[in-house]
């Protein structure tokens, strides 16, 4: 499981994920400079570090590299959530607490996601349609 990205790593990866295409250090630099003062070599170092950590792959184009994300932001977020949950001494309680923090929109998104992962869930989203109790009753 990858560790959480640092602030600058996240800012760089956000652009790589949003643009969803190979990017150069110069492109990321120019976009970041709209928000902060930052040097070309700093962005180059961050992208090299992200490459070394396996977040991006790169291909040579002329005298520069083009960087591409290895996975999606959604996969990164899911891995972070899974890592946090797996370190709990009481995963069920951690999930209950997490669900309790969710907004109505987030709970709706969770229900939608569960229907995608488990299309056999009933409209209420609470149990598989073919799931029966041990005594044969629902």
Protein backbone atom coordinates (compact mmCIF):
# COMPACT_ATOMS: atom_id res chain seq x y z
CA UNK A 1 0.00 0.00 0.00
CA UNK A 2 1.39 3.38 -0.94
CA UNK A 3 1.70 6.02 1.72
CA UNK A 4 -0.23 9.25 1.46
CA UNK A 5 1.20 11.78 -0.97
CA UNK A 6 2.80 14.92 0.41
CA UNK A 7 1.30 18.33 -0.38
CA UNK A 8 3.47 19.08 -3.41
CA UNK A 9 3.31 15.48 -4.65
CA UNK A 10 -0.48 15.69 -4.47
CA UNK A 11 -0.53 19.01 -6.33
CA UNK A 12 1.57 17.50 -9.12
CA UNK A 13 -0.39 14.23 -9.25
CA UNK A 14 -3.67 16.16 -9.31
CA UNK A 15 -2.63 17.71 -12.61
CA UNK A 16 -1.41 14.41 -14.03
CA UNK A 17 -4.72 12.75 -13.05
CA UNK A 18 -6.91 15.63 -14.27
CA UNK A 19 -5.20 16.00 -17.62
CA UNK A 20 -5.22 12.22 -18.16
CA UNK A 21 -2.45 12.36 -20.76
CA UNK A 22 1.34 12.36 -20.82
CA UNK A 23 2.67 15.62 -19.33
CA UNK A 24 6.01 17.40 -19.22
CA UNK A 25 7.70 19.07 -16.29
CA UNK A 26 7.22 22.41 -18.08
CA UNK A 27 3.42 21.93 -18.37
CA UNK A 28 3.07 21.04 -14.70
CA UNK A 29 5.38 23.92 -13.72
CA UNK A 30 3.40 26.51 -15.68
CA UNK A 31 0.13 25.35 -14.14
CA UNK A 32 1.52 25.25 -10.60
CA UNK A 33 3.00 28.74 -11.03
CA UNK A 34 -0.53 30.11 -11.28
CA UNK A 35 -0.91 29.22 -7.56
CA UNK A 36 2.59 29.45 -6.13
CA UNK A 37 6.17 30.41 -6.82
CA UNK A 38 8.01 27.22 -7.69
CA UNK A 39 11.18 26.33 -9.60
CA UNK A 40 11.46 24.06 -12.62
CA UNK A 41 13.98 21.88 -10.77
CA UNK A 42 11.56 21.42 -7.87
CA UNK A 43 8.82 20.10 -10.17
CA UNK A 44 11.36 17.94 -11.99
CA UNK A 45 12.52 16.46 -8.66
CA UNK A 46 8.95 15.81 -7.52
CA UNK A 47 8.09 14.03 -10.78
CA UNK A 48 11.31 12.01 -10.57
CA UNK A 49 10.45 11.04 -6.98
CA UNK A 50 6.92 10.07 -8.05
CA UNK A 51 8.48 7.93 -10.79
CA UNK A 52 10.83 6.25 -8.28
CA UNK A 53 7.84 5.57 -5.98
CA UNK A 54 5.84 4.02 -8.83
CA UNK A 55 3.14 6.69 -9.11
CA UNK A 56 4.05 7.70 -12.67
CA UNK A 57 5.83 6.12 -15.60
CA UNK A 58 7.84 8.15 -18.04
CA UNK A 59 8.95 8.05 -21.64
CA UNK A 60 11.72 10.03 -23.27
CA UNK A 61 10.59 12.59 -25.83
CA UNK A 62 13.50 14.52 -27.29
CA UNK A 63 15.51 15.86 -24.37
CA UNK A 64 12.65 15.65 -21.88
CA UNK A 65 10.39 13.08 -20.25
CA UNK A 66 6.64 12.78 -20.55
CA UNK A 67 5.02 11.47 -17.38
CA UNK A 68 1.80 9.42 -17.12
CA UNK A 69 -0.12 8.25 -14.07
CA UNK A 70 0.17 4.56 -13.27
CA UNK A 71 -3.28 4.45 -11.63
CA UNK A 72 -6.27 6.71 -11.08
CA UNK A 73 -6.99 9.12 -8.24
CA UNK A 74 -9.97 6.92 -7.34
CA UNK A 75 -7.68 3.90 -6.96
CA UNK A 76 -5.30 5.96 -4.81
CA UNK A 77 -8.15 7.15 -2.58
CA UNK A 78 -9.51 3.62 -2.27
CA UNK A 79 -6.10 2.28 -1.30
CA UNK A 80 -5.75 4.94 1.42
CA UNK A 81 -9.20 4.12 2.81
CA UNK A 82 -8.43 0.40 2.76
CA UNK A 83 -5.11 0.94 4.50
CA UNK A 84 -6.68 3.04 7.26
CA UNK A 85 -9.51 0.56 7.74
CA UNK A 86 -7.20 -2.46 7.82
CA UNK A 87 -5.20 -0.95 10.70
CA UNK A 88 -8.24 -0.71 12.96
CA UNK A 89 -8.51 -3.13 15.85
CA UNK A 90 -12.28 -3.09 15.27
CA UNK A 91 -12.98 -2.72 11.53
CA UNK A 92 -16.77 -2.85 11.97
CA UNK A 93 -16.71 0.00 14.50
CA UNK A 94 -14.38 1.98 12.23
CA UNK A 95 -16.84 1.57 9.33
CA UNK A 96 -19.79 2.60 11.49
CA UNK A 97 -17.90 5.71 12.60
CA UNK A 98 -16.87 6.46 9.00
CA UNK A 99 -20.41 6.04 7.69
CA UNK A 100 -21.64 8.29 10.50
CA UNK A 101 -19.38 11.08 9.20
CA UNK A 102 -20.77 10.85 5.67
CA UNK A 103 -23.09 13.42 4.17
CA UNK A 104 -26.34 12.31 2.54
CA UNK A 105 -24.68 12.70 -0.86
CA UNK A 106 -21.76 10.51 0.19
CA UNK A 107 -24.15 7.83 1.48
CA UNK A 108 -25.99 7.94 -1.85
CA UNK A 109 -22.66 7.54 -3.66
CA UNK A 110 -21.84 4.57 -1.40
CA UNK A 111 -25.19 2.93 -2.22
CA UNK A 112 -24.57 3.49 -5.95
CA UNK A 113 -21.08 2.02 -5.66
CA UNK A 114 -22.38 -1.04 -3.82
CA UNK A 115 -24.92 -1.63 -6.57
CA UNK A 116 -22.10 -1.55 -9.13
CA UNK A 117 -19.93 -3.93 -7.13
CA UNK A 118 -22.85 -6.15 -6.09
CA UNK A 119 -25.61 -5.85 -8.70
CA UNK A 120 -27.53 -8.55 -6.82
CA UNK A 121 -28.27 -6.11 -3.97
CA UNK A 122 -31.93 -5.24 -3.58
CA UNK A 123 -33.17 -1.70 -4.17
CA UNK A 124 -32.77 -0.99 -0.45
CA UNK A 125 -29.10 -1.89 -0.78
CA UNK A 126 -29.10 -3.86 2.44
CA UNK A 127 -28.77 -7.52 1.42
CA UNK A 128 -28.20 -9.72 -1.61
CA UNK A 129 -31.43 -10.94 -3.19
CA UNK A 130 -30.33 -14.59 -2.89
CA UNK A 131 -29.09 -14.31 0.70
CA UNK A 132 -31.15 -16.36 3.12
CA UNK A 133 -31.04 -16.89 6.83
CA UNK A 134 -29.72 -20.23 8.14
CA UNK A 135 -33.28 -21.47 8.77
CA UNK A 136 -34.23 -20.69 5.16
CA UNK A 137 -36.23 -17.51 5.91
CA UNK A 138 -35.34 -13.97 4.93
